[in-house]
N, C-alpha and C. Protein backbone atom coordinates (compact mmCIF):
# COMPACT_ATOMS: atom_id res chain seq x y z
N MET A 1 0.77 -1.10 0.00
CA MET A 1 0.03 0.02 -0.01
C MET A 1 0.77 1.22 0.06
N ALA A 2 2.03 1.23 0.69
CA ALA A 2 3.03 2.47 0.88
C ALA A 2 3.31 2.76 -0.54
N LYS A 3 3.91 1.66 -1.28
CA LYS A 3 4.35 1.67 -2.52
C LYS A 3 3.41 2.44 -3.41
N GLN A 4 2.22 1.98 -3.43
CA GLN A 4 0.97 2.60 -4.25
C GLN A 4 0.92 3.93 -3.77
N GLU A 5 0.95 4.37 -2.72
CA GLU A 5 0.55 5.71 -2.27
C GLU A 5 1.76 6.55 -2.79
N ARG A 6 3.01 6.24 -2.65
CA ARG A 6 4.02 6.93 -3.23
C ARG A 6 4.05 7.16 -4.65
N SER A 7 3.57 5.99 -5.41
CA SER A 7 3.22 6.08 -6.85
C SER A 7 2.23 7.20 -7.19
N GLU A 8 1.09 7.15 -6.50
CA GLU A 8 0.04 8.06 -6.75
C GLU A 8 0.48 9.37 -6.52
N HIS A 9 1.32 9.63 -5.55
CA HIS A 9 1.91 10.81 -5.05
C HIS A 9 2.63 11.64 -6.02
N THR A 10 3.57 10.52 -6.47
CA THR A 10 4.48 11.11 -7.76
C THR A 10 3.66 11.51 -8.93
N GLN A 11 2.81 10.53 -9.23
CA GLN A 11 1.89 10.96 -10.28
C GLN A 11 1.21 12.30 -10.21
N GLY A 12 0.71 12.60 -8.97
CA GLY A 12 0.11 13.85 -8.79
C GLY A 12 0.98 14.91 -8.88
N LYS A 13 2.26 14.89 -8.39
CA LYS A 13 3.33 15.81 -8.63
C LYS A 13 3.64 16.22 -9.97
N LEU A 14 3.60 15.20 -10.92
CA LEU A 14 3.87 15.40 -12.20
C LEU A 14 2.81 16.05 -12.98
N ILE A 15 1.56 15.75 -12.59
CA ILE A 15 0.51 16.41 -13.19
C ILE A 15 0.48 17.88 -12.85
N VAL A 16 0.50 18.34 -11.63
CA VAL A 16 0.57 19.56 -11.21
C VAL A 16 1.79 20.27 -11.85
N ALA A 17 2.91 19.76 -12.02
CA ALA A 17 4.14 20.20 -12.55
C ALA A 17 3.88 20.59 -14.05
N ALA A 18 3.31 19.49 -14.66
CA ALA A 18 3.10 19.70 -15.95
C ALA A 18 2.10 20.86 -16.41
N ALA A 19 0.96 20.98 -15.52
CA ALA A 19 0.00 22.17 -15.64
C ALA A 19 0.79 23.59 -15.69
N GLU A 20 1.77 23.57 -14.70
CA GLU A 20 2.50 24.85 -14.18
C GLU A 20 3.18 25.05 -15.49
N GLN A 21 3.97 24.23 -16.07
CA GLN A 21 4.92 24.38 -17.34
C GLN A 21 4.22 24.69 -18.49
N PHE A 22 2.99 23.89 -18.76
CA PHE A 22 2.50 24.21 -19.81
C PHE A 22 1.58 25.54 -19.65
N ALA A 23 1.10 25.99 -18.66
CA ALA A 23 0.48 27.40 -18.41
C ALA A 23 1.60 28.35 -18.54
N LEU A 24 2.73 28.10 -18.05
CA LEU A 24 3.92 29.13 -18.17
C LEU A 24 4.52 29.44 -19.69
N ARG A 25 4.79 27.96 -20.29
CA ARG A 25 5.69 28.02 -21.46
C ARG A 25 4.80 27.73 -22.63
N GLY A 26 3.61 27.04 -22.46
CA GLY A 26 2.91 26.56 -23.41
C GLY A 26 3.15 25.20 -23.85
N PHE A 27 2.34 24.37 -24.57
CA PHE A 27 2.38 23.09 -24.69
C PHE A 27 3.75 22.68 -25.67
N VAL A 28 3.83 23.54 -26.62
CA VAL A 28 5.01 23.35 -27.66
C VAL A 28 6.30 23.44 -26.97
N LYS A 29 6.48 24.44 -26.28
CA LYS A 29 7.75 24.60 -25.55
C LYS A 29 8.21 24.12 -24.36
N ALA A 30 7.28 23.79 -23.61
CA ALA A 30 7.53 23.02 -22.52
C ALA A 30 8.11 21.60 -22.61
N THR A 31 8.91 21.16 -21.92
CA THR A 31 9.59 19.73 -22.09
C THR A 31 9.45 18.79 -21.11
N LEU A 32 9.64 17.62 -21.33
CA LEU A 32 9.36 16.75 -20.36
C LEU A 32 10.52 16.87 -19.37
N GLY A 33 11.63 17.36 -19.68
CA GLY A 33 12.66 17.58 -18.69
C GLY A 33 12.31 18.73 -17.70
N ASP A 34 11.67 19.85 -18.37
CA ASP A 34 11.01 20.96 -17.57
C ASP A 34 9.97 20.38 -16.47
N VAL A 35 9.22 19.56 -16.92
CA VAL A 35 8.13 18.90 -16.12
C VAL A 35 8.89 18.06 -14.77
N SER A 36 9.87 17.32 -15.31
CA SER A 36 10.50 16.42 -14.27
C SER A 36 11.22 17.24 -13.26
N ARG A 37 11.91 18.25 -13.68
CA ARG A 37 12.61 19.23 -12.66
C ARG A 37 11.67 19.83 -11.91
N GLU A 38 10.58 20.45 -12.55
CA GLU A 38 9.64 21.28 -11.55
C GLU A 38 8.85 20.40 -10.66
N ALA A 39 8.62 18.96 -10.83
CA ALA A 39 8.22 17.93 -10.02
C ALA A 39 9.26 17.33 -8.96
N GLY A 40 10.58 17.65 -9.22
CA GLY A 40 11.64 17.02 -8.28
C GLY A 40 11.69 15.65 -8.54
N VAL A 41 11.33 15.12 -9.73
CA VAL A 41 11.47 13.43 -9.91
C VAL A 41 12.40 13.29 -11.11
N THR A 42 12.91 12.07 -11.22
CA THR A 42 13.71 11.70 -12.37
C THR A 42 12.81 11.54 -13.60
N LYS A 43 13.62 11.65 -14.71
CA LYS A 43 12.92 11.39 -15.90
C LYS A 43 12.40 9.89 -16.08
N GLY A 44 13.01 8.90 -15.44
CA GLY A 44 12.62 7.76 -15.30
C GLY A 44 11.34 7.54 -14.73
N ALA A 45 11.00 8.32 -13.56
CA ALA A 45 9.90 8.08 -12.88
C ALA A 45 8.71 8.80 -13.61
N LEU A 46 9.00 9.92 -14.38
CA LEU A 46 8.14 10.56 -15.23
C LEU A 46 7.70 9.59 -16.31
N PHE A 47 8.55 8.94 -16.90
CA PHE A 47 8.23 7.91 -18.11
C PHE A 47 7.52 6.61 -17.72
N PHE A 48 7.65 6.14 -16.31
CA PHE A 48 7.09 5.20 -15.70
C PHE A 48 5.62 5.56 -15.60
N HIS A 49 5.11 6.89 -15.44
CA HIS A 49 3.69 7.22 -15.23
C HIS A 49 3.24 7.73 -16.60
N PHE A 50 3.96 8.49 -17.38
CA PHE A 50 3.53 9.01 -18.61
C PHE A 50 4.53 8.80 -19.75
N ALA A 51 4.16 8.13 -20.76
CA ALA A 51 5.07 7.73 -21.74
C ALA A 51 5.25 8.81 -22.67
N THR A 52 4.52 9.73 -22.76
CA THR A 52 4.60 11.04 -23.80
C THR A 52 4.22 12.20 -23.25
N LYS A 53 4.58 13.35 -23.86
CA LYS A 53 3.97 14.69 -23.40
C LYS A 53 2.51 14.68 -23.71
N ASP A 54 1.96 13.89 -24.75
CA ASP A 54 0.52 14.05 -24.77
C ASP A 54 -0.25 13.42 -23.89
N ASP A 55 0.39 12.31 -23.14
CA ASP A 55 -0.33 11.55 -22.08
C ASP A 55 -0.42 12.53 -20.83
N LEU A 56 0.77 13.43 -20.70
CA LEU A 56 0.50 14.28 -19.66
C LEU A 56 -0.28 15.45 -19.94
N ALA A 57 -0.43 15.82 -21.09
CA ALA A 57 -1.54 17.01 -21.63
C ALA A 57 -3.01 16.49 -21.35
N ALA A 58 -3.12 15.21 -21.58
CA ALA A 58 -4.48 14.67 -21.44
C ALA A 58 -4.82 14.54 -19.78
N ALA A 59 -3.90 14.25 -18.98
CA ALA A 59 -4.14 14.31 -17.48
C ALA A 59 -4.33 15.66 -17.16
N VAL A 60 -3.70 16.51 -17.61
CA VAL A 60 -3.90 17.97 -17.13
C VAL A 60 -5.13 18.47 -17.50
N GLN A 61 -5.62 18.22 -18.89
CA GLN A 61 -6.88 18.62 -19.39
C GLN A 61 -7.99 18.11 -18.50
N ARG A 62 -7.81 16.68 -18.16
CA ARG A 62 -8.79 16.00 -17.46
C ARG A 62 -9.20 16.69 -16.31
N ARG A 63 -7.97 17.19 -15.50
CA ARG A 63 -8.15 17.81 -14.35
C ARG A 63 -8.74 19.15 -14.47
N GLY A 64 -8.50 19.95 -15.57
CA GLY A 64 -9.05 21.22 -15.86
C GLY A 64 -10.71 20.83 -16.08
N ARG A 65 -11.07 19.95 -16.74
CA ARG A 65 -12.32 19.68 -17.15
C ARG A 65 -13.11 19.37 -15.78
N ASP A 66 -12.53 18.71 -14.72
CA ASP A 66 -13.05 18.34 -13.63
C ASP A 66 -13.49 19.68 -12.68
N ILE A 67 -12.32 20.63 -12.83
CA ILE A 67 -12.65 21.81 -12.08
C ILE A 67 -13.68 22.66 -12.72
N LEU A 68 -13.98 22.43 -14.05
CA LEU A 68 -14.94 23.36 -14.64
C LEU A 68 -16.29 22.48 -14.29
N GLU A 69 -16.47 21.19 -14.36
CA GLU A 69 -17.76 20.68 -14.26
C GLU A 69 -18.13 20.99 -12.55
N THR A 70 -17.22 20.77 -11.66
CA THR A 70 -17.64 20.85 -10.41
C THR A 70 -17.95 22.51 -10.11
N MET A 71 -17.24 23.43 -10.73
CA MET A 71 -17.79 24.80 -10.51
C MET A 71 -19.12 24.97 -10.99
N ILE A 72 -19.49 24.33 -12.32
CA ILE A 72 -20.88 24.69 -12.81
C ILE A 72 -21.91 23.98 -11.90
N ALA A 73 -21.56 22.74 -11.39
CA ALA A 73 -22.43 22.04 -10.52
C ALA A 73 -22.74 22.77 -9.26
N ASP A 74 -21.69 23.49 -8.67
CA ASP A 74 -21.94 24.20 -7.50
C ASP A 74 -22.50 25.43 -7.73
N MET A 75 -22.43 26.13 -8.84
CA MET A 75 -23.32 27.31 -9.17
C MET A 75 -24.62 26.87 -9.50
N SER A 76 -25.06 25.83 -10.27
CA SER A 76 -26.22 25.34 -10.51
C SER A 76 -27.04 24.95 -9.34
N GLY A 77 -26.32 24.60 -8.21
CA GLY A 77 -26.97 24.15 -6.95
C GLY A 77 -27.43 25.36 -6.26
N SER A 78 -26.69 26.30 -6.30
CA SER A 78 -27.13 27.57 -5.44
C SER A 78 -27.78 28.73 -6.28
N GLU A 79 -27.79 28.63 -7.43
CA GLU A 79 -28.48 29.71 -8.35
C GLU A 79 -29.78 29.37 -9.01
N GLU A 80 -30.89 30.12 -8.85
CA GLU A 80 -31.93 29.98 -9.36
C GLU A 80 -32.06 30.48 -10.86
N SER A 81 -31.20 31.48 -11.24
CA SER A 81 -31.17 32.08 -12.39
C SER A 81 -30.00 31.51 -13.44
N CYS A 82 -30.55 31.11 -14.30
CA CYS A 82 -29.42 30.32 -15.19
C CYS A 82 -28.56 31.61 -15.82
N LEU A 83 -29.06 32.59 -16.24
CA LEU A 83 -28.17 33.85 -16.71
C LEU A 83 -27.15 34.09 -15.48
N GLN A 84 -27.65 34.10 -14.41
CA GLN A 84 -26.78 34.31 -13.26
C GLN A 84 -25.46 33.54 -13.29
N ILE A 85 -25.80 32.11 -13.49
CA ILE A 85 -24.82 31.18 -13.61
C ILE A 85 -23.72 31.56 -14.71
N VAL A 86 -24.45 31.86 -16.01
CA VAL A 86 -23.51 32.26 -16.98
C VAL A 86 -22.68 33.35 -16.69
N VAL A 87 -23.21 34.52 -15.94
CA VAL A 87 -22.42 35.66 -15.62
C VAL A 87 -21.17 35.29 -14.62
N ASP A 88 -21.63 34.40 -13.73
CA ASP A 88 -20.65 34.01 -12.77
C ASP A 88 -19.56 33.15 -13.27
N ALA A 89 -19.97 32.18 -14.25
CA ALA A 89 -19.08 31.45 -14.88
C ALA A 89 -18.06 32.21 -15.65
N LEU A 90 -18.52 33.24 -16.19
CA LEU A 90 -17.64 34.07 -17.10
C LEU A 90 -16.66 34.85 -16.22
N HIS A 91 -17.09 35.29 -15.15
CA HIS A 91 -16.19 36.09 -14.22
C HIS A 91 -15.17 34.91 -13.67
N ALA A 92 -15.79 33.76 -13.37
CA ALA A 92 -14.73 32.82 -12.93
C ALA A 92 -13.72 32.32 -13.99
N LEU A 93 -14.12 32.40 -15.29
CA LEU A 93 -13.08 31.82 -16.28
C LEU A 93 -12.15 33.09 -16.27
N SER A 94 -12.44 34.32 -16.19
CA SER A 94 -11.61 35.18 -16.34
C SER A 94 -10.62 35.20 -15.12
N ARG A 95 -10.99 35.03 -13.84
CA ARG A 95 -10.02 34.72 -12.98
C ARG A 95 -9.21 33.50 -13.06
N MET A 96 -9.73 32.50 -13.27
CA MET A 96 -8.95 31.27 -13.36
C MET A 96 -7.88 31.19 -14.62
N LEU A 97 -8.32 31.87 -15.57
CA LEU A 97 -7.21 31.96 -16.81
C LEU A 97 -6.02 32.69 -16.22
N ARG A 98 -6.00 33.36 -15.06
CA ARG A 98 -4.76 34.12 -14.53
C ARG A 98 -4.12 33.30 -13.34
N SER A 99 -5.03 32.61 -12.70
CA SER A 99 -4.60 32.04 -11.33
C SER A 99 -4.56 30.44 -11.34
N ASP A 100 -5.44 29.78 -12.18
CA ASP A 100 -5.47 28.32 -12.10
C ASP A 100 -4.65 27.69 -13.12
N PRO A 101 -3.53 27.07 -12.79
CA PRO A 101 -2.67 26.42 -13.75
C PRO A 101 -3.30 25.27 -14.70
N PHE A 102 -4.44 24.57 -14.20
CA PHE A 102 -4.90 23.59 -14.89
C PHE A 102 -5.98 24.25 -15.96
N VAL A 103 -6.62 25.31 -15.80
CA VAL A 103 -7.36 25.99 -16.70
C VAL A 103 -6.70 26.65 -17.63
N ARG A 104 -5.47 27.39 -17.33
CA ARG A 104 -4.70 28.05 -18.27
C ARG A 104 -3.94 27.39 -19.07
N ALA A 105 -3.58 26.12 -18.35
CA ALA A 105 -2.73 25.10 -19.26
C ALA A 105 -3.73 24.41 -20.34
N GLY A 106 -4.97 24.10 -19.96
CA GLY A 106 -5.86 23.41 -20.75
C GLY A 106 -6.25 24.29 -21.82
N VAL A 107 -6.30 25.56 -21.83
CA VAL A 107 -6.72 26.37 -22.95
C VAL A 107 -5.43 26.47 -23.98
N ARG A 108 -4.19 26.61 -23.24
CA ARG A 108 -3.05 26.67 -24.01
C ARG A 108 -2.77 25.50 -24.87
N ILE A 109 -2.99 24.20 -24.29
CA ILE A 109 -2.94 22.99 -24.96
C ILE A 109 -3.91 22.90 -26.12
N ALA A 110 -5.10 23.34 -25.88
CA ALA A 110 -6.10 23.22 -26.77
C ALA A 110 -5.88 24.24 -27.94
N ARG A 111 -5.09 25.24 -27.88
CA ARG A 111 -4.63 26.24 -28.91
C ARG A 111 -3.50 25.67 -29.68
N GLU A 112 -2.66 24.92 -29.11
CA GLU A 112 -1.38 24.57 -29.55
C GLU A 112 -1.32 23.20 -30.21
N ARG A 113 -2.08 22.40 -29.97
CA ARG A 113 -2.11 21.09 -30.44
C ARG A 113 -2.58 21.01 -31.98
N THR A 114 -2.03 20.21 -32.74
CA THR A 114 -2.08 20.26 -34.13
C THR A 114 -3.16 19.16 -34.58
N ALA A 115 -3.60 19.24 -35.85
CA ALA A 115 -4.56 18.31 -36.30
C ALA A 115 -3.94 16.70 -36.22
N GLU A 116 -2.69 16.68 -36.29
CA GLU A 116 -2.04 15.32 -36.30
C GLU A 116 -1.98 14.90 -34.93
N SER A 117 -1.96 15.95 -33.86
CA SER A 117 -2.19 15.50 -32.41
C SER A 117 -3.39 16.06 -31.63
N PRO A 118 -4.28 15.35 -31.88
CA PRO A 118 -5.72 15.88 -31.40
C PRO A 118 -5.76 16.04 -29.95
N VAL A 119 -6.60 17.27 -29.59
CA VAL A 119 -6.69 17.58 -28.01
C VAL A 119 -7.66 16.50 -27.53
N PRO A 120 -7.10 15.82 -26.51
CA PRO A 120 -7.93 14.79 -25.77
C PRO A 120 -9.23 15.65 -25.20
N VAL A 121 -9.08 16.90 -24.62
CA VAL A 121 -10.10 17.39 -24.02
C VAL A 121 -10.14 18.74 -24.59
N ASP A 122 -11.26 19.07 -25.51
CA ASP A 122 -11.18 20.45 -26.15
C ASP A 122 -11.71 21.49 -25.27
N PHE A 123 -10.91 22.47 -24.67
CA PHE A 123 -11.49 23.32 -23.66
C PHE A 123 -12.39 24.30 -24.20
N TYR A 124 -12.38 24.68 -25.50
CA TYR A 124 -13.24 25.52 -26.06
C TYR A 124 -14.70 24.80 -26.10
N ALA A 125 -14.57 23.62 -26.71
CA ALA A 125 -15.88 22.81 -26.95
C ALA A 125 -16.62 22.67 -25.40
N LEU A 126 -15.76 22.26 -24.51
CA LEU A 126 -16.09 22.08 -23.17
C LEU A 126 -16.82 23.22 -22.66
N TRP A 127 -16.22 24.55 -22.49
CA TRP A 127 -16.53 25.57 -22.08
C TRP A 127 -17.88 26.12 -22.74
N LEU A 128 -17.83 26.11 -23.99
CA LEU A 128 -18.85 26.85 -24.88
C LEU A 128 -20.17 25.80 -24.66
N GLY A 129 -19.65 24.45 -24.68
CA GLY A 129 -20.89 23.38 -24.78
C GLY A 129 -21.56 23.59 -23.32
N THR A 130 -20.92 23.73 -22.20
CA THR A 130 -21.49 23.83 -20.95
C THR A 130 -22.39 25.08 -20.74
N LEU A 131 -21.62 26.27 -21.24
CA LEU A 131 -22.58 27.45 -21.11
C LEU A 131 -23.89 27.41 -22.01
N GLY A 132 -23.81 26.59 -23.26
CA GLY A 132 -24.86 26.52 -24.06
C GLY A 132 -25.89 25.79 -23.44
N GLU A 133 -25.51 24.86 -22.63
CA GLU A 133 -26.44 23.93 -21.91
C GLU A 133 -27.25 24.93 -20.91
N VAL A 134 -26.35 25.54 -20.32
CA VAL A 134 -27.04 26.63 -19.27
C VAL A 134 -28.08 27.58 -19.95
N LEU A 135 -27.70 28.11 -21.12
CA LEU A 135 -28.56 29.03 -21.96
C LEU A 135 -29.72 28.25 -22.31
N GLU A 136 -29.75 26.95 -22.61
CA GLU A 136 -31.07 26.14 -22.92
C GLU A 136 -31.83 26.07 -21.82
N ARG A 137 -31.23 26.01 -20.56
CA ARG A 137 -32.16 25.96 -19.32
C ARG A 137 -32.74 27.42 -19.06
N ALA A 138 -31.88 28.45 -19.56
CA ALA A 138 -32.58 29.87 -19.33
C ALA A 138 -33.72 29.92 -20.21
N ARG A 139 -33.61 29.40 -21.47
CA ARG A 139 -34.73 29.39 -22.43
C ARG A 139 -35.97 28.85 -21.76
N LYS A 140 -35.76 27.64 -21.32
CA LYS A 140 -36.91 26.91 -20.76
C LYS A 140 -37.54 27.67 -19.49
N ASN A 141 -36.48 28.51 -18.75
CA ASN A 141 -37.11 29.21 -17.56
C ASN A 141 -37.78 30.60 -17.91
N GLY A 142 -37.67 30.72 -19.26
CA GLY A 142 -38.37 32.23 -19.84
C GLY A 142 -37.41 33.22 -19.47
N GLU A 143 -36.12 33.04 -19.23
CA GLU A 143 -35.14 34.12 -19.02
C GLU A 143 -34.54 34.87 -20.11
N LEU A 144 -34.62 34.12 -21.33
CA LEU A 144 -34.45 34.81 -22.63
C LEU A 144 -35.51 35.54 -23.40
N ALA A 145 -35.16 36.54 -24.00
CA ALA A 145 -36.34 37.19 -24.70
C ALA A 145 -36.74 36.22 -25.79
N ALA A 146 -38.12 36.28 -26.04
CA ALA A 146 -38.73 35.34 -26.99
C ALA A 146 -38.24 35.69 -28.36
N ASP A 147 -37.83 36.80 -28.88
CA ASP A 147 -37.42 37.14 -30.05
C ASP A 147 -35.89 37.07 -30.15
N VAL A 148 -35.25 36.40 -29.43
CA VAL A 148 -33.80 36.17 -29.52
C VAL A 148 -33.64 34.71 -29.83
N ALA A 149 -32.82 34.49 -31.16
CA ALA A 149 -32.81 33.06 -31.48
C ALA A 149 -31.66 32.45 -30.40
N ASP A 150 -31.97 31.20 -30.29
CA ASP A 150 -30.70 30.32 -29.39
C ASP A 150 -29.28 30.77 -30.04
N ALA A 151 -29.31 30.70 -31.44
CA ALA A 151 -27.93 30.77 -32.02
C ALA A 151 -27.26 32.22 -31.61
N SER A 152 -28.11 33.08 -31.63
CA SER A 152 -27.73 34.49 -31.41
C SER A 152 -27.12 34.62 -29.96
N ALA A 153 -27.98 33.89 -28.82
CA ALA A 153 -27.47 33.83 -27.49
C ALA A 153 -26.19 33.24 -27.25
N ARG A 154 -26.00 32.16 -28.10
CA ARG A 154 -24.67 31.28 -27.93
C ARG A 154 -23.56 32.13 -28.67
N ALA A 155 -23.81 32.85 -29.74
CA ALA A 155 -22.71 33.54 -30.37
C ALA A 155 -22.32 34.63 -29.44
N LEU A 156 -23.26 35.39 -28.83
CA LEU A 156 -22.85 36.55 -27.85
C LEU A 156 -21.96 35.85 -26.69
N VAL A 157 -22.30 34.81 -26.14
CA VAL A 157 -21.48 34.20 -24.99
C VAL A 157 -20.08 33.71 -25.56
N THR A 158 -20.11 33.21 -26.68
CA THR A 158 -18.66 32.95 -27.37
C THR A 158 -17.91 33.99 -27.52
N THR A 159 -18.53 35.14 -27.99
CA THR A 159 -17.77 36.30 -28.21
C THR A 159 -17.02 36.90 -26.80
N VAL A 160 -17.86 36.77 -25.85
CA VAL A 160 -17.48 37.20 -24.57
C VAL A 160 -16.43 36.31 -24.05
N VAL A 161 -16.46 35.09 -24.15
CA VAL A 161 -15.38 34.08 -23.81
C VAL A 161 -14.12 34.56 -24.49
N CYS A 162 -14.32 34.74 -25.69
CA CYS A 162 -13.01 34.98 -26.66
C CYS A 162 -12.27 36.37 -26.16
N GLY A 163 -13.04 37.18 -25.64
CA GLY A 163 -12.75 38.58 -25.17
C GLY A 163 -12.03 38.36 -23.74
N VAL A 164 -12.66 37.48 -22.99
CA VAL A 164 -11.97 37.33 -21.69
C VAL A 164 -10.78 36.62 -21.71
N GLU A 165 -10.60 35.67 -22.66
CA GLU A 165 -9.35 34.95 -22.80
C GLU A 165 -8.41 35.87 -23.53
N THR A 166 -8.65 36.64 -24.42
CA THR A 166 -7.57 37.63 -25.17
C THR A 166 -7.09 38.65 -23.88
N LEU A 167 -7.85 39.03 -23.15
CA LEU A 167 -7.46 39.89 -22.06
C LEU A 167 -6.39 39.37 -21.10
N ALA A 168 -6.66 38.16 -20.80
CA ALA A 168 -5.82 37.46 -19.92
C ALA A 168 -4.58 37.13 -20.72
N TRP A 169 -4.48 36.69 -21.81
CA TRP A 169 -3.32 36.66 -22.52
C TRP A 169 -2.42 37.74 -22.75
N MET A 170 -3.29 39.01 -22.71
CA MET A 170 -2.55 40.33 -22.89
C MET A 170 -1.75 40.79 -21.72
N GLY A 171 -2.20 40.19 -20.47
CA GLY A 171 -1.54 40.47 -19.18
C GLY A 171 -2.36 41.48 -18.44
N VAL A 172 -3.77 41.75 -18.95
CA VAL A 172 -4.58 42.73 -18.21
C VAL A 172 -4.98 42.01 -16.83
N SER A 173 -4.95 42.88 -15.79
CA SER A 173 -5.09 42.43 -14.41
C SER A 173 -6.46 41.82 -14.24
N GLU A 174 -6.42 41.13 -13.21
CA GLU A 174 -7.84 40.44 -12.78
C GLU A 174 -8.82 41.58 -12.55
N ASP A 175 -8.51 42.69 -11.73
CA ASP A 175 -9.46 43.74 -11.49
C ASP A 175 -9.90 44.35 -12.69
N GLU A 176 -8.93 44.73 -13.58
CA GLU A 176 -9.34 45.39 -14.77
C GLU A 176 -10.20 44.49 -15.81
N GLY A 177 -9.80 43.16 -15.82
CA GLY A 177 -10.63 42.30 -16.41
C GLY A 177 -11.95 42.03 -16.03
N ASP A 178 -12.25 42.23 -14.65
CA ASP A 178 -13.43 41.98 -14.12
C ASP A 178 -14.38 43.27 -14.45
N LYS A 179 -13.55 44.44 -14.57
CA LYS A 179 -14.40 45.80 -14.90
C LYS A 179 -14.81 45.68 -16.36
N TRP A 180 -13.94 45.25 -17.25
CA TRP A 180 -14.21 45.15 -18.85
C TRP A 180 -15.49 44.13 -18.82
N LEU A 181 -15.19 42.98 -18.18
CA LEU A 181 -16.34 42.09 -18.40
C LEU A 181 -17.74 42.40 -17.83
N GLY A 182 -17.64 43.20 -16.72
CA GLY A 182 -18.98 43.73 -16.05
C GLY A 182 -19.55 44.65 -17.10
N CYS A 183 -18.59 45.69 -17.62
CA CYS A 183 -19.16 46.73 -18.52
C CYS A 183 -19.91 46.06 -19.75
N LEU A 184 -19.10 45.08 -20.29
CA LEU A 184 -19.55 44.43 -21.29
C LEU A 184 -21.07 43.85 -21.31
N LEU A 185 -21.07 43.00 -20.21
CA LEU A 185 -22.25 42.28 -19.81
C LEU A 185 -23.31 43.24 -19.37
N GLU A 186 -23.16 44.37 -18.94
CA GLU A 186 -24.14 45.45 -18.77
C GLU A 186 -24.74 45.82 -20.15
N LEU A 187 -23.94 45.92 -21.19
CA LEU A 187 -24.28 46.28 -22.60
C LEU A 187 -25.06 45.34 -23.13
N VAL A 188 -24.65 43.99 -22.98
CA VAL A 188 -25.07 42.97 -23.83
C VAL A 188 -26.25 42.16 -23.34
N LEU A 189 -26.45 41.99 -22.18
CA LEU A 189 -27.35 41.08 -21.50
C LEU A 189 -28.68 41.65 -21.94
N PRO A 190 -28.91 42.96 -21.79
CA PRO A 190 -30.36 43.36 -22.26
C PRO A 190 -30.79 43.00 -23.61
N SER A 191 -29.92 42.79 -24.24
CA SER A 191 -30.22 42.24 -26.02
C SER A 191 -30.77 41.09 -25.97
N ILE A 192 -30.35 40.11 -24.94
CA ILE A 192 -30.84 38.43 -25.15
C ILE A 192 -31.87 38.32 -24.02
N ALA A 193 -31.77 38.92 -22.91
CA ALA A 193 -32.49 38.50 -21.70
C ALA A 193 -33.98 39.09 -21.71
N SER A 194 -35.14 38.31 -21.17
CA SER A 194 -36.24 38.92 -20.92
C SER A 194 -36.24 39.86 -19.94
N ALA A 195 -37.39 40.56 -19.76
CA ALA A 195 -37.37 41.49 -18.76
C ALA A 195 -37.25 40.80 -17.30
N ASP A 196 -37.95 39.78 -17.05
CA ASP A 196 -37.90 38.99 -15.93
C ASP A 196 -36.33 38.44 -15.69
N GLY A 197 -35.88 37.91 -16.83
CA GLY A 197 -34.66 37.30 -16.86
C GLY A 197 -33.39 38.32 -16.38
N LEU A 198 -33.71 39.55 -16.80
CA LEU A 198 -32.65 40.64 -16.43
C LEU A 198 -32.88 41.06 -15.14
N ARG A 199 -33.93 41.19 -14.57
CA ARG A 199 -34.25 41.36 -13.19
C ARG A 199 -33.51 40.55 -12.07
N ARG A 200 -33.25 39.32 -12.59
CA ARG A 200 -32.82 38.46 -11.66
C ARG A 200 -31.18 38.30 -11.88
N VAL A 201 -30.76 39.08 -12.53
CA VAL A 201 -29.23 39.02 -12.64
C VAL A 201 -28.47 40.03 -12.05
N ARG A 202 -27.39 39.74 -11.19
CA ARG A 202 -26.48 40.65 -10.62
C ARG A 202 -25.10 40.57 -11.42
N ILE A 203 -24.63 41.78 -11.78
CA ILE A 203 -23.44 41.80 -12.43
C ILE A 203 -22.28 42.33 -11.30
N PRO A 204 -21.41 41.65 -11.07
CA PRO A 204 -20.49 42.04 -9.81
C PRO A 204 -19.76 43.24 -10.18
N GLY A 205 -19.90 44.21 -9.22
CA GLY A 205 -19.10 45.53 -9.40
C GLY A 205 -20.04 46.52 -10.05
N LEU A 206 -21.06 46.26 -10.62
CA LEU A 206 -21.82 47.23 -11.35
C LEU A 206 -23.42 47.29 -10.63
N ARG A 207 -23.80 48.44 -10.98
CA ARG A 207 -25.38 48.89 -10.55
C ARG A 207 -25.39 48.44 -9.01
N GLY A 208 -24.38 48.73 -8.17
CA GLY A 208 -24.55 48.51 -6.73
C GLY A 208 -24.55 46.93 -6.28
N THR A 209 -24.17 46.15 -7.25
CA THR A 209 -24.32 44.67 -6.80
C THR A 209 -22.86 44.36 -6.24
N PRO A 210 -22.81 43.22 -5.70
CA PRO A 210 -21.56 42.93 -4.93
C PRO A 210 -20.53 42.45 -5.80
């Protein structure tokens, strides 16, 4: 059992180190040597757990996927407004792209993998698909305006996600990113939300909301 625990501990250290290196250097530039040094283990130990950099990337992205799914599940359990979940998730994404190595690495891996080396977990499809499901629930709850097409609502959220990511890569601070996102949401939410849906949304930092 002790041997198994040591093995699991080493594997965990390697996944964390890989996330930090992919987040910092990118998937292409980070090497397995960088990962083993960051983890404080030998290359032999690394190859015992992960035969290739692709295997490490898959493990990192699975951890990032778990973070996203847990976050959305927690929000869904505490919020009655689906549009509020979208707003909160966008703000969380803005913060995690700066502070969470698994999320940041997951996006960089998705950006840098080639067609010959497919992405095991496509972060873009995952984020946009998850938020699209929340928008579907918003539609059923009457939170979206009747004359707004589902495709239009999805397109708006997709655009906001791209903007949030761009600001993070530009090095814009978390506070400035939150202000930008809040101002944008205050402009665009009225274009897709029903009157009742809009009343139920709080935009952090704006209109006197926390």
